[in-house]
Amino acid sequence: MVNARDALLLLGVARSTLYRYVASGKLSEIRRRVMTTRGYRHQCLYLKSEVMKLKAWRRARREQFIHWQQFHDMSAEEVSPPEQVES
């Protein structure tokens, strides 16, 4: 298991994005009570296997977007069908 700080570093996302992943069910959160100098606090933990799967999913989505963007940025001449030859 990894804590929130480590999950943020592994995923490279903001804390709000991490919470959104939990709310949408993409990531499971395990809360545990921890005694600190200021009293009891909740510590959020995440399964490392789920964090790594989510990281791989994010990488695949990013690569898919980059591929789409490169295709979209091509000029019309590059993607137009070949001219038909009259018989």
C-alpha atoms as a PDB file:
ATOM      1  CA  MET A   1       0.000   0.000   0.000  1.00  0.00           C
ATOM      2  CA  VAL A   2       1.062   3.563  -0.650  1.00  0.00           C
ATOM      3  CA  ASN A   3       0.020   6.762   1.074  1.00  0.00           C
ATOM      4  CA  ALA A   4      -1.536   9.727  -0.710  1.00  0.00           C
ATOM      5  CA  ARG A   5       1.755  11.550  -1.175  1.00  0.00           C
ATOM      6  CA  ASP A   6       3.395   8.537  -2.842  1.00  0.00           C
ATOM      7  CA  ALA A   7       0.326   7.938  -5.026  1.00  0.00           C
ATOM      8  CA  LEU A   8       0.456  11.569  -6.154  1.00  0.00           C
ATOM      9  CA  LEU A   9       4.122  11.227  -7.055  1.00  0.00           C
ATOM     10  CA  LEU A  10       3.610   7.948  -8.922  1.00  0.00           C
ATOM     11  CA  LEU A  11       0.659   9.262 -10.914  1.00  0.00           C
ATOM     12  CA  GLY A  12       1.923  12.801 -11.372  1.00  0.00           C
ATOM     13  CA  VAL A  13      -1.504  14.314 -10.678  1.00  0.00           C
ATOM     14  CA  ALA A  14      -2.992  16.895  -8.326  1.00  0.00           C
ATOM     15  CA  ARG A  15      -4.644  15.881  -5.061  1.00  0.00           C
ATOM     16  CA  SER A  16      -8.075  16.784  -6.456  1.00  0.00           C
ATOM     17  CA  THR A  17      -7.507  14.392  -9.387  1.00  0.00           C
ATOM     18  CA  LEU A  18      -6.575  11.614  -6.981  1.00  0.00           C
ATOM     19  CA  TYR A  19      -9.825  12.174  -5.069  1.00  0.00           C
ATOM     20  CA  ARG A  20     -11.767  12.200  -8.329  1.00  0.00           C
ATOM     21  CA  TYR A  21     -10.298   8.795  -9.214  1.00  0.00           C
ATOM     22  CA  VAL A  22     -11.507   7.489  -5.848  1.00  0.00           C
ATOM     23  CA  ALA A  23     -14.973   9.017  -6.284  1.00  0.00           C
ATOM     24  CA  SER A  24     -15.352   7.525  -9.771  1.00  0.00           C
ATOM     25  CA  GLY A  25     -14.251   4.074  -8.594  1.00  0.00           C
ATOM     26  CA  LYS A  26     -10.990   3.939 -10.545  1.00  0.00           C
ATOM     27  CA  LEU A  27      -8.999   3.738  -7.318  1.00  0.00           C
ATOM     28  CA  SER A  28      -9.852   2.211  -3.943  1.00  0.00           C
ATOM     29  CA  GLU A  29      -9.122   4.210  -0.808  1.00  0.00           C
ATOM     30  CA  ILE A  30      -8.396   2.575   2.529  1.00  0.00           C
ATOM     31  CA  ARG A  31      -8.679   4.897   5.515  1.00  0.00           C
ATOM     32  CA  ARG A  32      -7.015   4.204   8.810  1.00  0.00           C
ATOM     33  CA  ARG A  33      -6.967   6.144  12.039  1.00  0.00           C
ATOM     34  CA  VAL A  34      -3.550   7.283  13.156  1.00  0.00           C
ATOM     35  CA  MET A  35      -2.651   8.953  16.450  1.00  0.00           C
ATOM     36  CA  THR A  36      -0.681  12.145  15.930  1.00  0.00           C
ATOM     37  CA  THR A  37       0.423  14.918  18.252  1.00  0.00           C
ATOM     38  CA  ARG A  38      -2.796  16.752  17.312  1.00  0.00           C
ATOM     39  CA  GLY A  39      -5.020  13.769  18.069  1.00  0.00           C
ATOM     40  CA  TYR A  40      -6.467  11.089  15.837  1.00  0.00           C
ATOM     41  CA  ARG A  41      -6.271  11.686  12.098  1.00  0.00           C
ATOM     42  CA  HIS A  42      -7.287   9.647   9.067  1.00  0.00           C
ATOM     43  CA  GLN A  43      -4.561   8.411   6.770  1.00  0.00           C
ATOM     44  CA  CYS A  44      -5.582   7.447   3.231  1.00  0.00           C
ATOM     45  CA  LEU A  45      -3.841   4.467   1.686  1.00  0.00           C
ATOM     46  CA  TYR A  46      -4.102   3.059  -1.829  1.00  0.00           C
ATOM     47  CA  LEU A  47      -3.221  -0.351  -3.245  1.00  0.00           C
ATOM     48  CA  LYS A  48       0.013   0.001  -5.187  1.00  0.00           C
ATOM     49  CA  SER A  49      -1.202  -2.434  -7.854  1.00  0.00           C
ATOM     50  CA  GLU A  50      -4.231  -0.209  -8.540  1.00  0.00           C
ATOM     51  CA  VAL A  51      -2.063   2.902  -8.648  1.00  0.00           C
ATOM     52  CA  MET A  52       0.264   1.259 -11.170  1.00  0.00           C
ATOM     53  CA  LYS A  53      -2.692   0.082 -13.331  1.00  0.00           C
ATOM     54  CA  LEU A  54      -4.077   3.610 -13.293  1.00  0.00           C
ATOM     55  CA  LYS A  55      -0.666   4.979 -14.244  1.00  0.00           C
ATOM     56  CA  ALA A  56      -0.499   2.589 -17.220  1.00  0.00           C
ATOM     57  CA  TRP A  57      -4.049   3.554 -18.235  1.00  0.00           C
ATOM     58  CA  ARG A  58      -3.168   7.259 -18.104  1.00  0.00           C
ATOM     59  CA  ARG A  59      -0.047   6.660 -20.220  1.00  0.00           C
ATOM     60  CA  ALA A  60      -2.050   4.728 -22.833  1.00  0.00           C
ATOM     61  CA  ARG A  61      -4.693   7.474 -22.981  1.00  0.00           C
ATOM     62  CA  ARG A  62      -2.020  10.139 -23.370  1.00  0.00           C
ATOM     63  CA  GLU A  63      -0.301   8.215 -26.197  1.00  0.00           C
ATOM     64  CA  GLN A  64      -3.663   7.682 -27.900  1.00  0.00           C
ATOM     65  CA  PHE A  65      -4.378  11.420 -27.686  1.00  0.00           C
ATOM     66  CA  ILE A  66      -0.945  12.323 -29.045  1.00  0.00           C
ATOM     67  CA  HIS A  67      -1.464   9.932 -31.979  1.00  0.00           C
ATOM     68  CA  TRP A  68      -4.913  11.438 -32.671  1.00  0.00           C
ATOM     69  CA  GLN A  69      -3.538  14.958 -32.410  1.00  0.00           C
ATOM     70  CA  GLN A  70      -0.757  14.196 -34.902  1.00  0.00           C
ATOM     71  CA  PHE A  71      -3.299  12.786 -37.338  1.00  0.00           C
ATOM     72  CA  HIS A  72      -5.614  15.762 -36.797  1.00  0.00           C
ATOM     73  CA  ASP A  73      -2.787  18.251 -37.422  1.00  0.00           C
ATOM     74  CA  MET A  74      -1.979  16.801 -40.864  1.00  0.00           C
ATOM     75  CA  SER A  75      -2.910  18.941 -43.809  1.00  0.00           C
ATOM     76  CA  ALA A  76      -5.812  17.896 -46.027  1.00  0.00           C
ATOM     77  CA  GLU A  77      -3.358  16.932 -48.806  1.00  0.00           C
ATOM     78  CA  GLU A  78      -1.669  14.350 -46.590  1.00  0.00           C
ATOM     79  CA  VAL A  79      -4.899  12.531 -45.728  1.00  0.00           C
ATOM     80  CA  SER A  80      -6.927  12.954 -48.895  1.00  0.00           C
ATOM     81  CA  PRO A  81      -7.642   9.818 -50.931  1.00  0.00           C
ATOM     82  CA  PRO A  82      -5.633   9.257 -54.123  1.00  0.00           C
ATOM     83  CA  GLU A  83      -7.067  10.650 -57.314  1.00  0.00           C
ATOM     84  CA  GLN A  84      -9.139   8.264 -59.395  1.00  0.00           C
ATOM     85  CA  VAL A  85      -7.853   7.366 -62.829  1.00  0.00           C
ATOM     86  CA  GLU A  86     -10.418   7.644 -65.624  1.00  0.00           C
ATOM     87  CA  SER A  87     -10.785   4.539 -67.794  1.00  0.00           C
END
